[in-house]
Amino acid sequence: MFWHLDAYPTRVAAQADKGRRGTVIESFGRVWLMTIEDENWRSTHGDRIAEIGPLPVVAGENYSAQFMEADFTPEMTAPAHTHSGP
C-alpha cells in the first residue's frame, strides 16, 4: 500500500475522485486528496504531488490517520523531538 497525495483546483473536483480509502482536505488555501491504495493507483483529475511507500501494513489490523496543519514563518525552527507512535 502507498499514500498518494494529489492537489485539486476545487473541493468538488477532489470529491469526484475520492474512493473509499481517500480523504479530502483543505489546507493552506489548497485542496488535497490523500489516498491509501496500491502503488499503481492514479487519481483521474488530480495533480500528483507525492507518493509515499510502501507502507508497512499488517493484514487484519485496523488503521487510522490524524491530519494536522502547521505554519512556519521564514527562518522559524522547531527543536528536535520524537513522537510515541508511528
N, C-alpha and C. Protein backbone atom coordinates (compact mmCIF):
# COMPACT_ATOMS: atom_id res chain seq x y z
N MET A 1 0.84 -1.17 0.00
CA MET A 1 0.00 0.00 0.00
C MET A 1 0.89 1.25 0.00
N PHE A 2 0.38 2.30 -0.65
CA PHE A 2 1.08 3.56 -0.77
C PHE A 2 0.15 4.70 -0.38
N TRP A 3 0.72 5.79 0.08
CA TRP A 3 -0.01 7.01 0.40
C TRP A 3 0.19 7.94 -0.79
N HIS A 4 -0.90 8.27 -1.49
CA HIS A 4 -0.89 9.14 -2.67
C HIS A 4 -1.44 10.51 -2.28
N LEU A 5 -0.74 11.56 -2.66
CA LEU A 5 -1.16 12.93 -2.38
C LEU A 5 -1.34 13.66 -3.70
N ASP A 6 -2.58 14.13 -3.95
CA ASP A 6 -2.92 14.84 -5.18
C ASP A 6 -3.56 16.18 -4.85
N ALA A 7 -3.26 17.19 -5.67
CA ALA A 7 -3.83 18.54 -5.49
C ALA A 7 -4.94 18.76 -6.52
N TYR A 8 -5.94 19.57 -6.12
CA TYR A 8 -7.10 19.84 -6.96
C TYR A 8 -7.43 21.33 -6.93
N PRO A 9 -8.10 21.81 -7.99
CA PRO A 9 -8.50 23.22 -8.01
C PRO A 9 -9.69 23.52 -7.09
N THR A 10 -10.55 22.50 -6.86
CA THR A 10 -11.74 22.70 -6.02
C THR A 10 -12.03 21.46 -5.19
N ARG A 11 -12.78 21.64 -4.12
CA ARG A 11 -13.21 20.51 -3.28
C ARG A 11 -14.12 19.57 -4.07
N VAL A 12 -14.98 20.13 -4.90
CA VAL A 12 -15.90 19.32 -5.72
C VAL A 12 -15.11 18.38 -6.63
N ALA A 13 -14.05 18.88 -7.25
CA ALA A 13 -13.21 18.05 -8.14
C ALA A 13 -12.54 16.93 -7.36
N ALA A 14 -12.04 17.23 -6.17
CA ALA A 14 -11.39 16.21 -5.34
C ALA A 14 -12.41 15.16 -4.89
N GLN A 15 -13.59 15.59 -4.47
CA GLN A 15 -14.63 14.67 -4.03
C GLN A 15 -15.01 13.71 -5.15
N ALA A 16 -14.99 14.19 -6.40
CA ALA A 16 -15.35 13.34 -7.54
C ALA A 16 -14.36 12.19 -7.71
N ASP A 17 -13.10 12.37 -7.33
CA ASP A 17 -12.08 11.33 -7.47
C ASP A 17 -11.92 10.48 -6.21
N LYS A 18 -12.50 10.89 -5.09
CA LYS A 18 -12.29 10.22 -3.80
C LYS A 18 -12.95 8.85 -3.79
N GLY A 19 -12.17 7.85 -3.44
CA GLY A 19 -12.68 6.50 -3.25
C GLY A 19 -12.87 6.22 -1.77
N ARG A 20 -13.09 4.95 -1.42
CA ARG A 20 -13.36 4.60 -0.02
C ARG A 20 -12.13 4.73 0.85
N ARG A 21 -10.94 4.78 0.28
CA ARG A 21 -9.71 4.95 1.06
C ARG A 21 -9.11 6.34 0.88
N GLY A 22 -9.94 7.31 0.50
CA GLY A 22 -9.47 8.67 0.29
C GLY A 22 -10.06 9.65 1.28
N THR A 23 -9.34 10.76 1.49
CA THR A 23 -9.79 11.84 2.36
C THR A 23 -9.51 13.16 1.67
N VAL A 24 -10.51 14.02 1.58
CA VAL A 24 -10.34 15.35 1.00
C VAL A 24 -10.06 16.33 2.13
N ILE A 25 -9.02 17.14 1.96
CA ILE A 25 -8.61 18.10 2.98
C ILE A 25 -8.36 19.45 2.32
N GLU A 26 -8.78 20.51 3.00
CA GLU A 26 -8.45 21.87 2.56
C GLU A 26 -7.44 22.43 3.56
N SER A 27 -6.28 22.84 3.07
CA SER A 27 -5.21 23.34 3.93
C SER A 27 -4.35 24.33 3.16
N PHE A 28 -3.97 25.42 3.84
CA PHE A 28 -3.13 26.45 3.25
C PHE A 28 -3.68 26.96 1.92
N GLY A 29 -5.00 27.08 1.84
CA GLY A 29 -5.63 27.63 0.65
C GLY A 29 -5.67 26.69 -0.54
N ARG A 30 -5.38 25.41 -0.33
CA ARG A 30 -5.41 24.43 -1.42
C ARG A 30 -6.29 23.25 -1.03
N VAL A 31 -6.67 22.46 -2.03
CA VAL A 31 -7.49 21.28 -1.81
C VAL A 31 -6.65 20.05 -2.14
N TRP A 32 -6.65 19.08 -1.23
CA TRP A 32 -5.82 17.88 -1.36
C TRP A 32 -6.68 16.62 -1.26
N LEU A 33 -6.30 15.60 -2.02
CA LEU A 33 -6.88 14.27 -1.87
C LEU A 33 -5.76 13.35 -1.40
N MET A 34 -5.92 12.77 -0.22
CA MET A 34 -4.97 11.81 0.32
C MET A 34 -5.60 10.44 0.23
N THR A 35 -4.92 9.51 -0.43
CA THR A 35 -5.49 8.20 -0.70
C THR A 35 -4.49 7.11 -0.36
N ILE A 36 -4.96 6.06 0.30
CA ILE A 36 -4.15 4.86 0.56
C ILE A 36 -4.63 3.79 -0.42
N GLU A 37 -3.74 3.43 -1.33
CA GLU A 37 -4.07 2.44 -2.37
C GLU A 37 -2.78 1.75 -2.82
N ASP A 38 -2.92 0.82 -3.76
CA ASP A 38 -1.73 0.14 -4.26
C ASP A 38 -0.84 1.10 -5.05
N GLU A 39 0.35 0.65 -5.36
CA GLU A 39 1.36 1.51 -5.98
C GLU A 39 0.92 2.10 -7.32
N ASN A 40 0.12 1.40 -8.08
CA ASN A 40 -0.26 1.83 -9.43
C ASN A 40 -1.50 2.71 -9.47
N TRP A 41 -2.12 3.01 -8.33
CA TRP A 41 -3.33 3.84 -8.31
C TRP A 41 -3.01 5.25 -8.79
N ARG A 42 -3.90 5.83 -9.56
CA ARG A 42 -3.77 7.21 -10.01
C ARG A 42 -5.13 7.89 -9.95
N SER A 43 -5.14 9.14 -9.49
CA SER A 43 -6.39 9.90 -9.49
C SER A 43 -6.74 10.24 -10.93
N THR A 44 -8.01 10.44 -11.17
CA THR A 44 -8.46 10.73 -12.53
C THR A 44 -8.13 12.15 -12.95
N HIS A 45 -8.30 13.12 -12.03
CA HIS A 45 -8.16 14.52 -12.41
C HIS A 45 -7.13 15.31 -11.59
N GLY A 46 -6.59 14.75 -10.53
CA GLY A 46 -5.69 15.49 -9.65
C GLY A 46 -4.28 15.62 -10.21
N ASP A 47 -3.53 16.55 -9.64
CA ASP A 47 -2.11 16.71 -9.95
C ASP A 47 -1.31 15.97 -8.89
N ARG A 48 -0.56 14.95 -9.29
CA ARG A 48 0.22 14.15 -8.34
C ARG A 48 1.29 15.01 -7.70
N ILE A 49 1.29 15.06 -6.37
CA ILE A 49 2.29 15.81 -5.61
C ILE A 49 3.31 14.87 -5.01
N ALA A 50 2.85 13.76 -4.44
CA ALA A 50 3.77 12.82 -3.80
C ALA A 50 3.16 11.43 -3.74
N GLU A 51 4.04 10.45 -3.62
CA GLU A 51 3.66 9.05 -3.41
C GLU A 51 4.63 8.50 -2.37
N ILE A 52 4.11 8.07 -1.24
CA ILE A 52 4.94 7.62 -0.14
C ILE A 52 4.68 6.14 0.11
N GLY A 53 5.73 5.35 0.18
CA GLY A 53 5.55 3.94 0.45
C GLY A 53 6.68 3.11 -0.10
N PRO A 54 6.58 1.82 0.05
CA PRO A 54 5.41 1.12 0.56
C PRO A 54 5.24 1.31 2.07
N LEU A 55 3.98 1.31 2.50
CA LEU A 55 3.66 1.43 3.92
C LEU A 55 3.68 0.04 4.56
N PRO A 56 4.16 -0.07 5.80
CA PRO A 56 4.19 -1.37 6.47
C PRO A 56 2.80 -1.74 7.01
N VAL A 57 1.99 -2.37 6.18
CA VAL A 57 0.62 -2.72 6.55
C VAL A 57 0.57 -4.19 6.93
N VAL A 58 -0.11 -4.48 8.04
CA VAL A 58 -0.29 -5.85 8.52
C VAL A 58 -1.72 -6.26 8.24
N ALA A 59 -1.91 -7.37 7.54
CA ALA A 59 -3.26 -7.86 7.22
C ALA A 59 -4.07 -8.07 8.50
N GLY A 60 -5.32 -7.62 8.47
CA GLY A 60 -6.21 -7.79 9.60
C GLY A 60 -6.15 -6.69 10.64
N GLU A 61 -5.17 -5.81 10.56
CA GLU A 61 -5.05 -4.70 11.50
C GLU A 61 -5.93 -3.54 11.05
N ASN A 62 -6.43 -2.75 12.00
CA ASN A 62 -7.17 -1.53 11.70
C ASN A 62 -6.23 -0.34 11.81
N TYR A 63 -6.37 0.61 10.91
CA TYR A 63 -5.52 1.79 10.90
C TYR A 63 -6.37 3.05 10.86
N SER A 64 -5.82 4.15 11.36
CA SER A 64 -6.48 5.45 11.27
C SER A 64 -5.41 6.49 10.99
N ALA A 65 -5.86 7.69 10.62
CA ALA A 65 -4.93 8.79 10.33
C ALA A 65 -5.42 10.05 11.01
N GLN A 66 -4.49 10.87 11.44
CA GLN A 66 -4.81 12.18 12.01
C GLN A 66 -4.02 13.21 11.21
N PHE A 67 -4.70 14.21 10.68
CA PHE A 67 -4.06 15.22 9.85
C PHE A 67 -3.94 16.52 10.64
N MET A 68 -2.80 17.17 10.50
CA MET A 68 -2.56 18.44 11.19
C MET A 68 -1.98 19.44 10.20
N GLU A 69 -2.15 20.70 10.51
CA GLU A 69 -1.61 21.79 9.69
C GLU A 69 -0.72 22.65 10.57
N ALA A 70 0.47 22.98 10.06
CA ALA A 70 1.39 23.84 10.80
C ALA A 70 1.94 24.89 9.84
N ASP A 71 2.14 26.07 10.35
CA ASP A 71 2.63 27.17 9.53
C ASP A 71 3.90 27.74 10.16
N PHE A 72 5.02 27.58 9.48
CA PHE A 72 6.29 28.12 9.95
C PHE A 72 6.61 29.39 9.17
N THR A 73 6.96 30.43 9.86
CA THR A 73 7.38 31.67 9.21
C THR A 73 8.83 31.50 8.74
N PRO A 74 9.32 32.33 7.84
CA PRO A 74 10.71 32.20 7.38
C PRO A 74 11.69 32.18 8.56
N GLU A 75 12.63 31.27 8.50
CA GLU A 75 13.70 31.07 9.49
C GLU A 75 13.21 30.53 10.83
N MET A 76 11.94 30.19 10.94
CA MET A 76 11.43 29.59 12.16
C MET A 76 11.88 28.12 12.22
N THR A 77 12.21 27.61 13.39
CA THR A 77 12.62 26.23 13.55
C THR A 77 11.87 25.60 14.71
N ALA A 78 11.92 24.31 14.78
CA ALA A 78 11.36 23.57 15.90
C ALA A 78 12.46 22.68 16.46
N PRO A 79 12.51 22.51 17.76
CA PRO A 79 13.54 21.63 18.33
C PRO A 79 13.34 20.18 17.90
N ALA A 80 14.43 19.43 17.85
CA ALA A 80 14.33 18.01 17.54
C ALA A 80 13.46 17.34 18.59
N HIS A 81 12.57 16.46 18.15
CA HIS A 81 11.66 15.80 19.07
C HIS A 81 11.22 14.46 18.49
N THR A 82 10.58 13.64 19.29
CA THR A 82 10.07 12.36 18.84
C THR A 82 8.61 12.23 19.27
N HIS A 83 7.92 11.29 18.65
CA HIS A 83 6.52 11.01 18.98
C HIS A 83 6.43 9.56 19.47
N SER A 84 5.52 9.30 20.35
CA SER A 84 5.39 7.97 20.95
C SER A 84 4.82 6.94 19.98
N GLY A 85 4.13 7.38 18.93
CA GLY A 85 3.52 6.45 17.98
C GLY A 85 4.12 6.58 16.60
N PRO A 86 3.55 5.88 15.63
CA PRO A 86 4.07 5.94 14.25
C PRO A 86 4.00 7.35 13.68
